[in-house]
C-alpha cells in the first residue's frame, strides 16, 4: 500500500500542484481543496497508471488519503495487478 500512497502523493504534487507539505495520511482530497472535476481526473490518472477500474461513485474525496490509498490498493489486488503494474508518471 505504501507504493500506492507514494504514487498518489506524486500525482497530487506534480499534476495537481498540491503543496507537498499539506499532504499527510490523515487529510482528504477535500482538505487539499480538490474540486469534483480534479477528483475524477485523479481517478482517471490512477486507472491509467495502474491499469485497473476504480469506482468514482464511492466518494473518495472525503476519505483520509491513507484510506483512499488502501482502497486503490485493494482494487489493484482484486484485479490481480501489482502496484508497480502501471507506469507512474
PDB file of N, CA and C in Angstrom:
ATOM      1  N   UNK A   1       0.810  -1.185   0.000  1.00  0.00           N
ATOM      2  CA  UNK A   1       0.000   0.000   0.000  1.00  0.00           C
ATOM      3  C   UNK A   1       0.864   1.265   0.000  1.00  0.00           C
ATOM      4  N   UNK A   2       2.049   1.204   0.554  1.00  0.00           N
ATOM      5  CA  UNK A   2       2.910   2.383   0.607  1.00  0.00           C
ATOM      6  C   UNK A   2       3.253   2.887  -0.794  1.00  0.00           C
ATOM      7  N   UNK A   3       3.461   1.959  -1.721  1.00  0.00           N
ATOM      8  CA  UNK A   3       3.776   2.360  -3.094  1.00  0.00           C
ATOM      9  C   UNK A   3       2.608   3.121  -3.716  1.00  0.00           C
ATOM     10  N   UNK A   4       1.393   2.685  -3.430  1.00  0.00           N
ATOM     11  CA  UNK A   4       0.199   3.358  -3.953  1.00  0.00           C
ATOM     12  C   UNK A   4       0.078   4.746  -3.328  1.00  0.00           C
ATOM     13  N   UNK A   5       0.240   4.830  -2.014  1.00  0.00           N
ATOM     14  CA  UNK A   5       0.172   6.118  -1.328  1.00  0.00           C
ATOM     15  C   UNK A   5       1.226   7.074  -1.890  1.00  0.00           C
ATOM     16  N   UNK A   6       2.446   6.597  -2.030  1.00  0.00           N
ATOM     17  CA  UNK A   6       3.527   7.432  -2.560  1.00  0.00           C
ATOM     18  C   UNK A   6       3.202   7.914  -3.975  1.00  0.00           C
ATOM     19  N   UNK A   7       2.603   7.041  -4.772  1.00  0.00           N
ATOM     20  CA  UNK A   7       2.246   7.424  -6.137  1.00  0.00           C
ATOM     21  C   UNK A   7       1.144   8.495  -6.129  1.00  0.00           C
ATOM     22  N   UNK A   8       0.159   8.328  -5.266  1.00  0.00           N
ATOM     23  CA  UNK A   8      -0.909   9.330  -5.159  1.00  0.00           C
ATOM     24  C   UNK A   8      -0.312  10.681  -4.758  1.00  0.00           C
ATOM     25  N   UNK A   9       0.598  10.672  -3.802  1.00  0.00           N
ATOM     26  CA  UNK A   9       1.267  11.914  -3.388  1.00  0.00           C
ATOM     27  C   UNK A   9       2.006  12.531  -4.570  1.00  0.00           C
ATOM     28  N   UNK A  10       2.711  11.703  -5.329  1.00  0.00           N
ATOM     29  CA  UNK A  10       3.441  12.191  -6.500  1.00  0.00           C
ATOM     30  C   UNK A  10       2.490  12.830  -7.518  1.00  0.00           C
ATOM     31  N   UNK A  11       1.381  12.177  -7.787  1.00  0.00           N
ATOM     32  CA  UNK A  11       0.407  12.720  -8.740  1.00  0.00           C
ATOM     33  C   UNK A  11      -0.177  14.033  -8.216  1.00  0.00           C
ATOM     34  N   UNK A  12      -0.502  14.071  -6.933  1.00  0.00           N
ATOM     35  CA  UNK A  12      -1.069  15.289  -6.360  1.00  0.00           C
ATOM     36  C   UNK A  12      -0.099  16.467  -6.451  1.00  0.00           C
ATOM     37  N   UNK A  13       1.170  16.198  -6.224  1.00  0.00           N
ATOM     38  CA  UNK A  13       2.140  17.296  -6.238  1.00  0.00           C
ATOM     39  C   UNK A  13       2.530  17.711  -7.655  1.00  0.00           C
ATOM     40  N   UNK A  14       2.619  16.756  -8.569  1.00  0.00           N
ATOM     41  CA  UNK A  14       3.075  17.097  -9.916  1.00  0.00           C
ATOM     42  C   UNK A  14       1.937  17.509 -10.841  1.00  0.00           C
ATOM     43  N   UNK A  15       0.878  16.749 -10.871  1.00  0.00           N
ATOM     44  CA  UNK A  15      -0.215  17.030 -11.806  1.00  0.00           C
ATOM     45  C   UNK A  15      -1.179  18.096 -11.279  1.00  0.00           C
ATOM     46  N   UNK A  16      -1.419  18.069  -9.971  1.00  0.00           N
ATOM     47  CA  UNK A  16      -2.402  18.981  -9.389  1.00  0.00           C
ATOM     48  C   UNK A  16      -1.761  20.118  -8.593  1.00  0.00           C
ATOM     49  N   UNK A  17      -0.443  20.133  -8.563  1.00  0.00           N
ATOM     50  CA  UNK A  17       0.331  21.187  -7.922  1.00  0.00           C
ATOM     51  C   UNK A  17      -0.076  21.453  -6.471  1.00  0.00           C
ATOM     52  N   UNK A  18      -0.385  20.377  -5.745  1.00  0.00           N
ATOM     53  CA  UNK A  18      -0.676  20.491  -4.319  1.00  0.00           C
ATOM     54  C   UNK A  18       0.660  20.593  -3.590  1.00  0.00           C
ATOM     55  N   UNK A  19       0.752  21.502  -2.655  1.00  0.00           N
ATOM     56  CA  UNK A  19       1.963  21.682  -1.868  1.00  0.00           C
ATOM     57  C   UNK A  19       2.221  20.408  -1.063  1.00  0.00           C
ATOM     58  N   UNK A  20       3.380  19.819  -1.227  1.00  0.00           N
ATOM     59  CA  UNK A  20       3.723  18.555  -0.565  1.00  0.00           C
ATOM     60  C   UNK A  20       3.617  18.651   0.952  1.00  0.00           C
ATOM     61  N   UNK A  21       3.838  19.812   1.503  1.00  0.00           N
ATOM     62  CA  UNK A  21       3.752  19.976   2.962  1.00  0.00           C
ATOM     63  C   UNK A  21       2.330  19.835   3.481  1.00  0.00           C
ATOM     64  N   UNK A  22       1.342  20.018   2.615  1.00  0.00           N
ATOM     65  CA  UNK A  22      -0.062  19.878   3.019  1.00  0.00           C
ATOM     66  C   UNK A  22      -0.533  18.430   2.987  1.00  0.00           C
ATOM     67  N   UNK A  23       0.210  17.568   2.304  1.00  0.00           N
ATOM     68  CA  UNK A  23      -0.228  16.185   2.119  1.00  0.00           C
ATOM     69  C   UNK A  23       0.248  15.332   3.285  1.00  0.00           C
ATOM     70  N   UNK A  24      -0.726  14.750   3.970  1.00  0.00           N
ATOM     71  CA  UNK A  24      -0.469  13.844   5.084  1.00  0.00           C
ATOM     72  C   UNK A  24      -1.482  12.706   5.014  1.00  0.00           C
ATOM     73  N   UNK A  25      -1.183  11.578   5.612  1.00  0.00           N
ATOM     74  CA  UNK A  25      -2.104  10.435   5.519  1.00  0.00           C
ATOM     75  C   UNK A  25      -3.516  10.719   6.023  1.00  0.00           C
ATOM     76  N   UNK A  26      -3.663  11.635   6.972  1.00  0.00           N
ATOM     77  CA  UNK A  26      -4.976  11.875   7.568  1.00  0.00           C
ATOM     78  C   UNK A  26      -5.814  12.940   6.851  1.00  0.00           C
ATOM     79  N   UNK A  27      -5.250  13.634   5.851  1.00  0.00           N
ATOM     80  CA  UNK A  27      -6.031  14.649   5.140  1.00  0.00           C
ATOM     81  C   UNK A  27      -6.772  14.021   3.962  1.00  0.00           C
ATOM     82  N   UNK A  28      -7.864  14.652   3.589  1.00  0.00           N
ATOM     83  CA  UNK A  28      -8.667  14.153   2.466  1.00  0.00           C
ATOM     84  C   UNK A  28      -8.418  15.013   1.232  1.00  0.00           C
ATOM     85  N   UNK A  29      -8.953  14.563   0.111  1.00  0.00           N
ATOM     86  CA  UNK A  29      -8.856  15.345  -1.114  1.00  0.00           C
ATOM     87  C   UNK A  29      -9.622  16.656  -0.965  1.00  0.00           C
ATOM     88  N   UNK A  30     -10.696  16.637  -0.189  1.00  0.00           N
ATOM     89  CA  UNK A  30     -11.445  17.861   0.093  1.00  0.00           C
ATOM     90  C   UNK A  30     -10.567  18.828   0.883  1.00  0.00           C
ATOM     91  N   UNK A  31      -9.864  18.299   1.888  1.00  0.00           N
ATOM     92  CA  UNK A  31      -8.956  19.138   2.679  1.00  0.00           C
ATOM     93  C   UNK A  31      -7.892  19.786   1.798  1.00  0.00           C
ATOM     94  N   UNK A  32      -7.505  19.082   0.744  1.00  0.00           N
ATOM     95  CA  UNK A  32      -6.485  19.593  -0.175  1.00  0.00           C
ATOM     96  C   UNK A  32      -7.088  20.510  -1.243  1.00  0.00           C
ATOM     97  N   UNK A  33      -8.405  20.751  -1.127  1.00  0.00           N
ATOM     98  CA  UNK A  33      -9.140  21.671  -1.995  1.00  0.00           C
ATOM     99  C   UNK A  33      -9.199  21.218  -3.449  1.00  0.00           C
ATOM    100  N   UNK A  34      -9.271  19.894  -3.651  1.00  0.00           N
ATOM    101  CA  UNK A  34      -9.503  19.382  -4.999  1.00  0.00           C
ATOM    102  C   UNK A  34     -11.006  19.400  -5.250  1.00  0.00           C
ATOM    103  N   UNK A  35     -11.412  19.982  -6.357  1.00  0.00           N
ATOM    104  CA  UNK A  35     -12.828  20.000  -6.679  1.00  0.00           C
ATOM    105  C   UNK A  35     -13.233  18.666  -7.310  1.00  0.00           C
ATOM    106  N   UNK A  36     -14.512  18.514  -7.590  1.00  0.00           N
ATOM    107  CA  UNK A  36     -15.007  17.231  -8.084  1.00  0.00           C
ATOM    108  C   UNK A  36     -14.389  16.856  -9.431  1.00  0.00           C
ATOM    109  N   UNK A  37     -14.138  17.819 -10.278  1.00  0.00           N
ATOM    110  CA  UNK A  37     -13.506  17.525 -11.569  1.00  0.00           C
ATOM    111  C   UNK A  37     -12.076  17.026 -11.364  1.00  0.00           C
ATOM    112  N   UNK A  38     -11.348  17.635 -10.445  1.00  0.00           N
ATOM    113  CA  UNK A  38      -9.978  17.205 -10.157  1.00  0.00           C
ATOM    114  C   UNK A  38      -9.966  15.797  -9.568  1.00  0.00           C
ATOM    115  N   UNK A  39     -10.959  15.474  -8.745  1.00  0.00           N
ATOM    116  CA  UNK A  39     -11.040  14.125  -8.167  1.00  0.00           C
ATOM    117  C   UNK A  39     -11.262  13.097  -9.278  1.00  0.00           C
ATOM    118  N   UNK A  40     -12.143  13.399 -10.217  1.00  0.00           N
ATOM    119  CA  UNK A  40     -12.374  12.498 -11.348  1.00  0.00           C
ATOM    120  C   UNK A  40     -11.101  12.360 -12.171  1.00  0.00           C
ATOM    121  N   UNK A  41     -10.420  13.467 -12.410  1.00  0.00           N
ATOM    122  CA  UNK A  41      -9.167  13.422 -13.173  1.00  0.00           C
ATOM    123  C   UNK A  41      -8.110  12.590 -12.447  1.00  0.00           C
ATOM    124  N   UNK A  42      -8.062  12.702 -11.122  1.00  0.00           N
ATOM    125  CA  UNK A  42      -7.140  11.881 -10.331  1.00  0.00           C
ATOM    126  C   UNK A  42      -7.476  10.402 -10.511  1.00  0.00           C
ATOM    127  N   UNK A  43      -8.750  10.067 -10.446  1.00  0.00           N
ATOM    128  CA  UNK A  43      -9.170   8.674 -10.631  1.00  0.00           C
ATOM    129  C   UNK A  43      -8.768   8.158 -12.011  1.00  0.00           C
ATOM    130  N   UNK A  44      -9.007   8.956 -13.035  1.00  0.00           N
ATOM    131  CA  UNK A  44      -8.646   8.548 -14.397  1.00  0.00           C
ATOM    132  C   UNK A  44      -7.136   8.323 -14.487  1.00  0.00           C
ATOM    133  N   UNK A  45      -6.371   9.217 -13.910  1.00  0.00           N
ATOM    134  CA  UNK A  45      -4.912   9.081 -13.914  1.00  0.00           C
ATOM    135  C   UNK A  45      -4.490   7.786 -13.229  1.00  0.00           C
ATOM    136  N   UNK A  46      -5.059   7.507 -12.068  1.00  0.00           N
ATOM    137  CA  UNK A  46      -4.694   6.283 -11.336  1.00  0.00           C
ATOM    138  C   UNK A  46      -5.134   5.034 -12.101  1.00  0.00           C
ATOM    139  N   UNK A  47      -6.290   5.095 -12.741  1.00  0.00           N
ATOM    140  CA  UNK A  47      -6.749   3.950 -13.540  1.00  0.00           C
ATOM    141  C   UNK A  47      -5.776   3.668 -14.676  1.00  0.00           C
ATOM    142  N   UNK A  48      -5.312   4.722 -15.321  1.00  0.00           N
ATOM    143  CA  UNK A  48      -4.354   4.539 -16.411  1.00  0.00           C
ATOM    144  C   UNK A  48      -3.009   4.046 -15.891  1.00  0.00           C
ATOM    145  N   UNK A  49      -2.550   4.605 -14.776  1.00  0.00           N
ATOM    146  CA  UNK A  49      -1.249   4.238 -14.235  1.00  0.00           C
ATOM    147  C   UNK A  49      -1.202   2.797 -13.734  1.00  0.00           C
ATOM    148  N   UNK A  50      -2.300   2.344 -13.119  1.00  0.00           N
ATOM    149  CA  UNK A  50      -2.313   1.011 -12.522  1.00  0.00           C
ATOM    150  C   UNK A  50      -3.107  -0.016 -13.330  1.00  0.00           C
ATOM    151  N   UNK A  51      -3.696   0.407 -14.441  1.00  0.00           N
ATOM    152  CA  UNK A  51      -4.449  -0.487 -15.328  1.00  0.00           C
ATOM    153  C   UNK A  51      -5.549  -1.245 -14.590  1.00  0.00           C
ATOM    154  N   UNK A  52      -6.302  -0.505 -13.753  1.00  0.00           N
ATOM    155  CA  UNK A  52      -7.455  -1.076 -13.051  1.00  0.00           C
ATOM    156  C   UNK A  52      -8.615  -0.106 -13.156  1.00  0.00           C
ATOM    157  N   UNK A  53      -9.828  -0.620 -12.928  1.00  0.00           N
ATOM    158  CA  UNK A  53     -11.014   0.232 -12.887  1.00  0.00           C
ATOM    159  C   UNK A  53     -11.255   0.656 -11.450  1.00  0.00           C
ATOM    160  N   UNK A  54     -11.440   1.948 -11.241  1.00  0.00           N
ATOM    161  CA  UNK A  54     -11.772   2.474  -9.921  1.00  0.00           C
ATOM    162  C   UNK A  54     -13.157   3.084  -9.990  1.00  0.00           C
ATOM    163  N   UNK A  55     -13.955   2.827  -8.979  1.00  0.00           N
ATOM    164  CA  UNK A  55     -15.331   3.316  -8.953  1.00  0.00           C
ATOM    165  C   UNK A  55     -15.374   4.705  -8.341  1.00  0.00           C
ATOM    166  N   UNK A  56     -15.611   5.714  -9.177  1.00  0.00           N
ATOM    167  CA  UNK A  56     -15.656   7.095  -8.702  1.00  0.00           C
ATOM    168  C   UNK A  56     -16.863   7.364  -7.817  1.00  0.00           C
ATOM    169  N   UNK A  57     -17.843   6.489  -7.859  1.00  0.00           N
ATOM    170  CA  UNK A  57     -19.078   6.687  -7.109  1.00  0.00           C
ATOM    171  C   UNK A  57     -18.915   6.451  -5.609  1.00  0.00           C
ATOM    172  N   UNK A  58     -17.807   5.892  -5.183  1.00  0.00           N
ATOM    173  CA  UNK A  58     -17.651   5.551  -3.770  1.00  0.00           C
ATOM    174  C   UNK A  58     -17.246   6.735  -2.902  1.00  0.00           C
ATOM    175  N   UNK A  59     -17.137   7.924  -3.468  1.00  0.00           N
ATOM    176  CA  UNK A  59     -16.875   9.115  -2.700  1.00  0.00           C
ATOM    177  C   UNK A  59     -15.529   9.181  -2.021  1.00  0.00           C
ATOM    178  N   UNK A  60     -14.444   9.041  -2.765  1.00  0.00           N
ATOM    179  CA  UNK A  60     -13.123   9.030  -2.148  1.00  0.00           C
ATOM    180  C   UNK A  60     -12.679  10.392  -1.630  1.00  0.00           C
ATOM    181  N   UNK A  61     -13.309  11.450  -2.085  1.00  0.00           N
ATOM    182  CA  UNK A  61     -12.844  12.794  -1.750  1.00  0.00           C
ATOM    183  C   UNK A  61     -12.854  13.071  -0.252  1.00  0.00           C
ATOM    184  N   UNK A  62     -13.770  12.440   0.475  1.00  0.00           N
ATOM    185  CA  UNK A  62     -13.875  12.684   1.913  1.00  0.00           C
ATOM    186  C   UNK A  62     -13.010  11.735   2.748  1.00  0.00           C
ATOM    187  N   UNK A  63     -12.476  10.703   2.118  1.00  0.00           N
ATOM    188  CA  UNK A  63     -11.648   9.741   2.852  1.00  0.00           C
ATOM    189  C   UNK A  63     -10.266  10.316   3.159  1.00  0.00           C
ATOM    190  N   UNK A  64      -9.699   9.963   4.311  1.00  0.00           N
ATOM    191  CA  UNK A  64      -8.291  10.300   4.532  1.00  0.00           C
ATOM    192  C   UNK A  64      -7.447   9.636   3.436  1.00  0.00           C
ATOM    193  N   UNK A  65      -6.375  10.284   3.027  1.00  0.00           N
ATOM    194  CA  UNK A  65      -5.547   9.741   1.941  1.00  0.00           C
ATOM    195  C   UNK A  65      -5.080   8.321   2.215  1.00  0.00           C
ATOM    196  N   UNK A  66      -4.767   7.993   3.479  1.00  0.00           N
ATOM    197  CA  UNK A  66      -4.311   6.628   3.779  1.00  0.00           C
ATOM    198  C   UNK A  66      -5.416   5.613   3.464  1.00  0.00           C
ATOM    199  N   UNK A  67      -6.679   5.963   3.727  1.00  0.00           N
ATOM    200  CA  UNK A  67      -7.793   5.062   3.426  1.00  0.00           C
ATOM    201  C   UNK A  67      -8.062   5.007   1.920  1.00  0.00           C
ATOM    202  N   UNK A  68      -7.939   6.149   1.261  1.00  0.00           N
ATOM    203  CA  UNK A  68      -8.087   6.195  -0.193  1.00  0.00           C
ATOM    204  C   UNK A  68      -7.024   5.316  -0.850  1.00  0.00           C
ATOM    205  N   UNK A  69      -5.778   5.424  -0.386  1.00  0.00           N
ATOM    206  CA  UNK A  69      -4.689   4.604  -0.937  1.00  0.00           C
ATOM    207  C   UNK A  69      -4.962   3.124  -0.687  1.00  0.00           C
ATOM    208  N   UNK A  70      -5.492   2.800   0.485  1.00  0.00           N
ATOM    209  CA  UNK A  70      -5.817   1.392   0.780  1.00  0.00           C
ATOM    210  C   UNK A  70      -6.905   0.881  -0.159  1.00  0.00           C
ATOM    211  N   UNK A  71      -7.921   1.699  -0.404  1.00  0.00           N
ATOM    212  CA  UNK A  71      -8.988   1.305  -1.331  1.00  0.00           C
ATOM    213  C   UNK A  71      -8.436   1.061  -2.741  1.00  0.00           C
ATOM    214  N   UNK A  72      -7.556   1.960  -3.191  1.00  0.00           N
ATOM    215  CA  UNK A  72      -6.946   1.786  -4.513  1.00  0.00           C
ATOM    216  C   UNK A  72      -6.104   0.515  -4.530  1.00  0.00           C
ATOM    217  N   UNK A  73      -5.328   0.300  -3.475  1.00  0.00           N
ATOM    218  CA  UNK A  73      -4.502  -0.899  -3.373  1.00  0.00           C
ATOM    219  C   UNK A  73      -5.365  -2.161  -3.383  1.00  0.00           C
ATOM    220  N   UNK A  74      -6.496  -2.115  -2.685  1.00  0.00           N
ATOM    221  CA  UNK A  74      -7.424  -3.255  -2.682  1.00  0.00           C
ATOM    222  C   UNK A  74      -7.961  -3.532  -4.089  1.00  0.00           C
ATOM    223  N   UNK A  75      -8.277  -2.468  -4.837  1.00  0.00           N
ATOM    224  CA  UNK A  75      -8.756  -2.644  -6.210  1.00  0.00           C
ATOM    225  C   UNK A  75      -7.672  -3.254  -7.098  1.00  0.00           C
ATOM    226  N   UNK A  76      -6.440  -2.815  -6.876  1.00  0.00           N
ATOM    227  CA  UNK A  76      -5.322  -3.366  -7.641  1.00  0.00           C
ATOM    228  C   UNK A  76      -5.170  -4.854  -7.336  1.00  0.00           C
ATOM    229  N   UNK A  77      -5.244  -5.198  -6.050  1.00  0.00           N
ATOM    230  CA  UNK A  77      -5.128  -6.608  -5.649  1.00  0.00           C
ATOM    231  C   UNK A  77      -6.273  -7.442  -6.207  1.00  0.00           C
ATOM    232  N   UNK A  78      -7.491  -6.897  -6.156  1.00  0.00           N
ATOM    233  CA  UNK A  78      -8.653  -7.625  -6.660  1.00  0.00           C
ATOM    234  C   UNK A  78      -8.542  -7.860  -8.155  1.00  0.00           C
ATOM    235  N   UNK A  79      -7.884  -6.949  -8.855  1.00  0.00           N
ATOM    236  CA  UNK A  79      -7.713  -7.100 -10.299  1.00  0.00           C
ATOM    237  C   UNK A  79      -6.542  -8.005 -10.640  1.00  0.00           C
ATOM    238  N   UNK A  80      -5.814  -8.404  -9.622  1.00  0.00           N
ATOM    239  CA  UNK A  80      -4.662  -9.273  -9.859  1.00  0.00           C
ATOM    240  C   UNK A  80      -3.471  -8.526 -10.408  1.00  0.00           C
ATOM    241  N   UNK A  81      -3.496  -7.215 -10.265  1.00  0.00           N
ATOM    242  CA  UNK A  81      -2.387  -6.397 -10.752  1.00  0.00           C
ATOM    243  C   UNK A  81      -1.407  -6.148  -9.617  1.00  0.00           C
ATOM    244  N   UNK A  82      -0.358  -5.472  -9.936  1.00  0.00           N
ATOM    245  CA  UNK A  82       0.661  -5.108  -8.954  1.00  0.00           C
ATOM    246  C   UNK A  82       0.693  -3.587  -8.882  1.00  0.00           C
ATOM    247  N   UNK A  83       0.964  -3.009  -7.692  1.00  0.00           N
ATOM    248  CA  UNK A  83       1.065  -1.557  -7.621  1.00  0.00           C
ATOM    249  C   UNK A  83       2.090  -0.997  -8.600  1.00  0.00           C
ATOM    250  N   UNK A  84       3.028  -1.795  -9.001  1.00  0.00           N
ATOM    251  CA  UNK A  84       4.033  -1.351  -9.966  1.00  0.00           C
ATOM    252  C   UNK A  84       3.609  -1.645 -11.397  1.00  0.00           C
ATOM    253  N   UNK A  85       2.361  -2.137 -11.579  1.00  0.00           N
ATOM    254  CA  UNK A  85       1.913  -2.533 -12.908  1.00  0.00           C
ATOM    255  C   UNK A  85       1.830  -1.358 -13.862  1.00  0.00           C
ATOM    256  N   UNK A  86       1.457  -0.207 -13.335  1.00  0.00           N
ATOM    257  CA  UNK A  86       1.352   0.973 -14.180  1.00  0.00           C
ATOM    258  C   UNK A  86       2.722   1.596 -14.379  1.00  0.00           C
ATOM    259  N   UNK A  87       2.711   2.636 -15.153  1.00  0.00           N
ATOM    260  CA  UNK A  87       3.952   3.380 -15.366  1.00  0.00           C
ATOM    261  C   UNK A  87       3.744   4.737 -14.722  1.00  0.00           C
ATOM    262  N   UNK A  88       3.895   4.811 -13.377  1.00  0.00           N
ATOM    263  CA  UNK A  88       3.646   6.082 -12.703  1.00  0.00           C
ATOM    264  C   UNK A  88       4.463   7.190 -13.346  1.00  0.00           C
ATOM    265  N   UNK A  89       3.779   8.271 -13.607  1.00  0.00           N
ATOM    266  CA  UNK A  89       4.401   9.411 -14.282  1.00  0.00           C
ATOM    267  C   UNK A  89       4.896  10.398 -13.275  1.00  0.00           C
TER     268      UNK A  89
END
